[in-house]
Amino acid sequence: MHRRWEAFRGESKEKNDLLFTAKKSKLFQSKTELDVFLGNNEGEVPDFKVKEGYSESSCSILLGDSNTMLAQVILTKLISEK
């Protein structure tokens, strides 16, 4: 079983305060891909999948195990004003 990260509400460690868990989609992967399970999901199909884009400065959030994109995150550099 892959290692899972758990996110709880506040500083709680109680099961009813579990917001979500995340784990690597595959044991060996060239690009980061995480399966995200909401607190009440104890099944095998994730609620969301987070996939690293073509560069490390972007990622996509997909619905479950599908290719339906819910959001795309792109890191942009801020240019400071002088």
N, C-alpha and C. Protein backbone atom coordinates (compact mmCIF):
# COMPACT_ATOMS: atom_id res chain seq x y z
N MET A 1 0.85 -1.19 0.00
CA MET A 1 0.00 0.00 0.00
C MET A 1 0.89 1.24 0.00
N HIS A 2 0.49 2.23 -0.79
CA HIS A 2 1.24 3.47 -0.86
C HIS A 2 1.03 4.27 0.42
N ARG A 3 2.04 5.06 0.76
CA ARG A 3 1.92 5.94 1.92
C ARG A 3 0.86 6.99 1.65
N ARG A 4 0.03 7.29 2.65
CA ARG A 4 -1.03 8.29 2.52
C ARG A 4 -0.75 9.48 3.43
N TRP A 5 -1.15 10.64 2.93
CA TRP A 5 -1.13 11.85 3.75
C TRP A 5 -2.56 12.10 4.19
N GLU A 6 -2.73 12.54 5.43
CA GLU A 6 -4.05 12.80 5.96
C GLU A 6 -4.16 14.26 6.37
N ALA A 7 -5.28 14.89 6.02
CA ALA A 7 -5.53 16.29 6.38
C ALA A 7 -6.76 16.34 7.29
N PHE A 8 -6.58 16.90 8.48
CA PHE A 8 -7.66 16.99 9.46
C PHE A 8 -8.06 18.44 9.67
N ARG A 9 -9.27 18.64 10.17
CA ARG A 9 -9.77 19.96 10.54
C ARG A 9 -9.01 20.42 11.79
N GLY A 10 -8.43 21.62 11.72
CA GLY A 10 -7.70 22.17 12.87
C GLY A 10 -6.54 21.28 13.28
N GLU A 11 -6.38 21.08 14.57
CA GLU A 11 -5.30 20.24 15.08
C GLU A 11 -5.80 18.86 15.50
N SER A 12 -7.01 18.53 15.12
CA SER A 12 -7.64 17.26 15.48
C SER A 12 -6.96 16.09 14.76
N LYS A 13 -7.07 14.93 15.34
CA LYS A 13 -6.66 13.67 14.70
C LYS A 13 -7.82 12.68 14.72
N GLU A 14 -9.03 13.20 15.02
CA GLU A 14 -10.22 12.36 15.10
C GLU A 14 -10.73 12.01 13.70
N LYS A 15 -11.22 10.79 13.54
CA LYS A 15 -11.70 10.32 12.24
C LYS A 15 -12.81 11.22 11.69
N ASN A 16 -13.70 11.72 12.55
CA ASN A 16 -14.80 12.57 12.06
C ASN A 16 -14.32 13.96 11.64
N ASP A 17 -13.07 14.30 11.91
CA ASP A 17 -12.49 15.58 11.48
C ASP A 17 -11.56 15.41 10.27
N LEU A 18 -11.52 14.21 9.71
CA LEU A 18 -10.69 13.95 8.53
C LEU A 18 -11.30 14.65 7.32
N LEU A 19 -10.54 15.54 6.69
CA LEU A 19 -11.02 16.27 5.51
C LEU A 19 -10.74 15.49 4.24
N PHE A 20 -9.51 15.02 4.08
CA PHE A 20 -9.15 14.22 2.91
C PHE A 20 -7.86 13.47 3.15
N THR A 21 -7.62 12.44 2.34
CA THR A 21 -6.34 11.76 2.30
C THR A 21 -5.82 11.85 0.87
N ALA A 22 -4.52 11.74 0.72
CA ALA A 22 -3.90 11.77 -0.61
C ALA A 22 -2.80 10.73 -0.65
N LYS A 23 -2.61 10.15 -1.82
CA LYS A 23 -1.52 9.19 -2.02
C LYS A 23 -1.04 9.29 -3.45
N LYS A 24 0.17 8.86 -3.68
CA LYS A 24 0.69 8.81 -5.05
C LYS A 24 -0.15 7.83 -5.85
N SER A 25 -0.48 8.22 -7.08
CA SER A 25 -1.31 7.37 -7.93
C SER A 25 -0.60 6.08 -8.31
N LYS A 26 0.69 6.19 -8.56
CA LYS A 26 1.50 5.03 -8.94
C LYS A 26 2.75 5.01 -8.08
N LEU A 27 3.27 3.82 -7.83
CA LEU A 27 4.46 3.70 -7.01
C LEU A 27 5.65 4.38 -7.67
N PHE A 28 5.83 4.16 -8.98
CA PHE A 28 6.91 4.78 -9.73
C PHE A 28 6.29 5.71 -10.77
N GLN A 29 6.69 6.97 -10.74
CA GLN A 29 6.14 7.93 -11.69
C GLN A 29 7.18 8.99 -12.01
N SER A 30 7.17 9.43 -13.28
CA SER A 30 8.11 10.47 -13.69
C SER A 30 7.57 11.86 -13.35
N LYS A 31 6.25 12.03 -13.41
CA LYS A 31 5.61 13.29 -13.03
C LYS A 31 4.71 13.02 -11.83
N THR A 32 4.62 13.99 -10.95
CA THR A 32 3.80 13.82 -9.75
C THR A 32 2.33 13.66 -10.10
N GLU A 33 1.71 12.67 -9.52
CA GLU A 33 0.28 12.42 -9.70
C GLU A 33 -0.26 11.89 -8.38
N LEU A 34 -1.24 12.61 -7.82
CA LEU A 34 -1.82 12.23 -6.52
C LEU A 34 -3.29 11.90 -6.65
N ASP A 35 -3.73 10.87 -5.94
CA ASP A 35 -5.15 10.56 -5.80
C ASP A 35 -5.61 11.20 -4.50
N VAL A 36 -6.73 11.93 -4.55
CA VAL A 36 -7.26 12.61 -3.37
C VAL A 36 -8.63 12.01 -3.04
N PHE A 37 -8.78 11.57 -1.79
CA PHE A 37 -10.01 10.96 -1.31
C PHE A 37 -10.60 11.86 -0.23
N LEU A 38 -11.84 12.32 -0.41
CA LEU A 38 -12.50 13.12 0.62
C LEU A 38 -12.69 12.25 1.86
N GLY A 39 -12.86 12.90 3.00
CA GLY A 39 -12.90 12.22 4.29
C GLY A 39 -13.82 11.02 4.37
N ASN A 40 -14.97 11.06 3.73
CA ASN A 40 -15.93 9.95 3.82
C ASN A 40 -15.73 8.89 2.75
N ASN A 41 -14.76 9.04 1.85
CA ASN A 41 -14.50 8.09 0.77
C ASN A 41 -13.48 7.06 1.24
N GLU A 42 -13.95 5.83 1.45
CA GLU A 42 -13.05 4.75 1.86
C GLU A 42 -12.86 3.73 0.73
N GLY A 43 -13.29 4.11 -0.48
CA GLY A 43 -13.21 3.22 -1.63
C GLY A 43 -11.86 3.30 -2.33
N GLU A 44 -11.82 2.72 -3.52
CA GLU A 44 -10.60 2.67 -4.33
C GLU A 44 -10.54 3.79 -5.36
N VAL A 45 -11.70 4.38 -5.72
CA VAL A 45 -11.74 5.42 -6.74
C VAL A 45 -11.63 6.79 -6.06
N PRO A 46 -10.62 7.58 -6.44
CA PRO A 46 -10.44 8.88 -5.80
C PRO A 46 -11.53 9.87 -6.21
N ASP A 47 -11.76 10.87 -5.35
CA ASP A 47 -12.69 11.95 -5.69
C ASP A 47 -12.04 12.90 -6.69
N PHE A 48 -10.74 13.10 -6.55
CA PHE A 48 -9.99 14.00 -7.43
C PHE A 48 -8.63 13.39 -7.71
N LYS A 49 -8.03 13.84 -8.80
CA LYS A 49 -6.65 13.47 -9.13
C LYS A 49 -5.92 14.77 -9.44
N VAL A 50 -4.74 14.93 -8.86
CA VAL A 50 -3.90 16.10 -9.12
C VAL A 50 -2.71 15.61 -9.94
N LYS A 51 -2.55 16.18 -11.16
CA LYS A 51 -1.48 15.75 -12.06
C LYS A 51 -0.57 16.92 -12.39
N GLU A 52 0.73 16.69 -12.24
CA GLU A 52 1.72 17.69 -12.63
C GLU A 52 1.64 17.92 -14.12
N GLY A 53 1.77 19.18 -14.54
CA GLY A 53 1.71 19.52 -15.95
C GLY A 53 3.03 19.24 -16.66
N TYR A 54 3.17 19.83 -17.84
CA TYR A 54 4.38 19.63 -18.63
C TYR A 54 5.60 20.24 -17.96
N SER A 55 5.36 21.22 -17.11
CA SER A 55 6.45 21.78 -16.32
C SER A 55 6.04 21.71 -14.86
N GLU A 56 6.98 21.88 -13.95
CA GLU A 56 6.66 21.82 -12.54
C GLU A 56 5.85 23.03 -12.08
N SER A 57 5.62 23.99 -12.96
CA SER A 57 4.91 25.20 -12.57
C SER A 57 3.42 25.14 -12.89
N SER A 58 2.91 23.94 -13.24
CA SER A 58 1.48 23.82 -13.49
C SER A 58 0.99 22.44 -13.06
N CYS A 59 -0.31 22.38 -12.77
CA CYS A 59 -0.93 21.09 -12.48
C CYS A 59 -2.41 21.17 -12.84
N SER A 60 -3.02 20.01 -13.00
CA SER A 60 -4.44 19.90 -13.32
C SER A 60 -5.14 19.13 -12.23
N ILE A 61 -6.36 19.52 -11.92
CA ILE A 61 -7.20 18.80 -10.98
C ILE A 61 -8.30 18.14 -11.80
N LEU A 62 -8.35 16.80 -11.75
CA LEU A 62 -9.30 16.02 -12.53
C LEU A 62 -10.35 15.39 -11.62
N LEU A 63 -11.51 15.12 -12.17
CA LEU A 63 -12.60 14.50 -11.43
C LEU A 63 -12.38 13.00 -11.38
N GLY A 64 -12.24 12.46 -10.17
CA GLY A 64 -12.09 11.02 -9.96
C GLY A 64 -10.99 10.41 -10.81
N ASP A 65 -11.29 9.28 -11.44
CA ASP A 65 -10.33 8.59 -12.32
C ASP A 65 -10.55 8.97 -13.77
N SER A 66 -11.27 10.07 -14.04
CA SER A 66 -11.60 10.45 -15.41
C SER A 66 -10.59 11.47 -15.94
N ASN A 67 -10.79 11.90 -17.16
CA ASN A 67 -10.00 12.97 -17.75
C ASN A 67 -10.75 14.30 -17.75
N THR A 68 -11.82 14.37 -16.94
CA THR A 68 -12.62 15.60 -16.85
C THR A 68 -11.89 16.60 -15.96
N MET A 69 -11.40 17.69 -16.59
CA MET A 69 -10.62 18.68 -15.85
C MET A 69 -11.56 19.62 -15.10
N LEU A 70 -11.31 19.76 -13.80
CA LEU A 70 -12.08 20.68 -12.97
C LEU A 70 -11.38 22.02 -12.84
N ALA A 71 -10.05 21.98 -12.80
CA ALA A 71 -9.27 23.22 -12.64
C ALA A 71 -7.85 22.99 -13.14
N GLN A 72 -7.21 24.10 -13.46
CA GLN A 72 -5.80 24.05 -13.84
C GLN A 72 -5.10 25.17 -13.07
N VAL A 73 -3.97 24.84 -12.48
CA VAL A 73 -3.21 25.79 -11.69
C VAL A 73 -1.90 26.07 -12.43
N ILE A 74 -1.61 27.35 -12.65
CA ILE A 74 -0.38 27.74 -13.33
C ILE A 74 0.32 28.78 -12.48
N LEU A 75 1.56 28.52 -12.13
CA LEU A 75 2.36 29.45 -11.35
C LEU A 75 2.84 30.57 -12.28
N THR A 76 2.60 31.78 -11.88
CA THR A 76 3.08 32.92 -12.66
C THR A 76 4.06 33.72 -11.81
N LYS A 77 5.02 34.32 -12.46
CA LYS A 77 6.00 35.12 -11.74
C LYS A 77 5.49 36.56 -11.66
N LEU A 78 5.59 37.13 -10.48
CA LEU A 78 5.20 38.52 -10.30
C LEU A 78 6.39 39.40 -10.64
N ILE A 79 6.14 40.43 -11.39
CA ILE A 79 7.18 41.39 -11.72
C ILE A 79 7.01 42.57 -10.76
N SER A 80 8.03 42.81 -9.99
CA SER A 80 7.92 43.88 -9.01
C SER A 80 8.05 45.23 -9.69
N GLU A 81 7.25 46.18 -9.20
CA GLU A 81 7.30 47.53 -9.75
C GLU A 81 8.43 48.30 -9.09
N LYS A 82 9.06 49.18 -9.85
CA LYS A 82 10.16 49.98 -9.31
C LYS A 82 9.74 51.39 -9.12
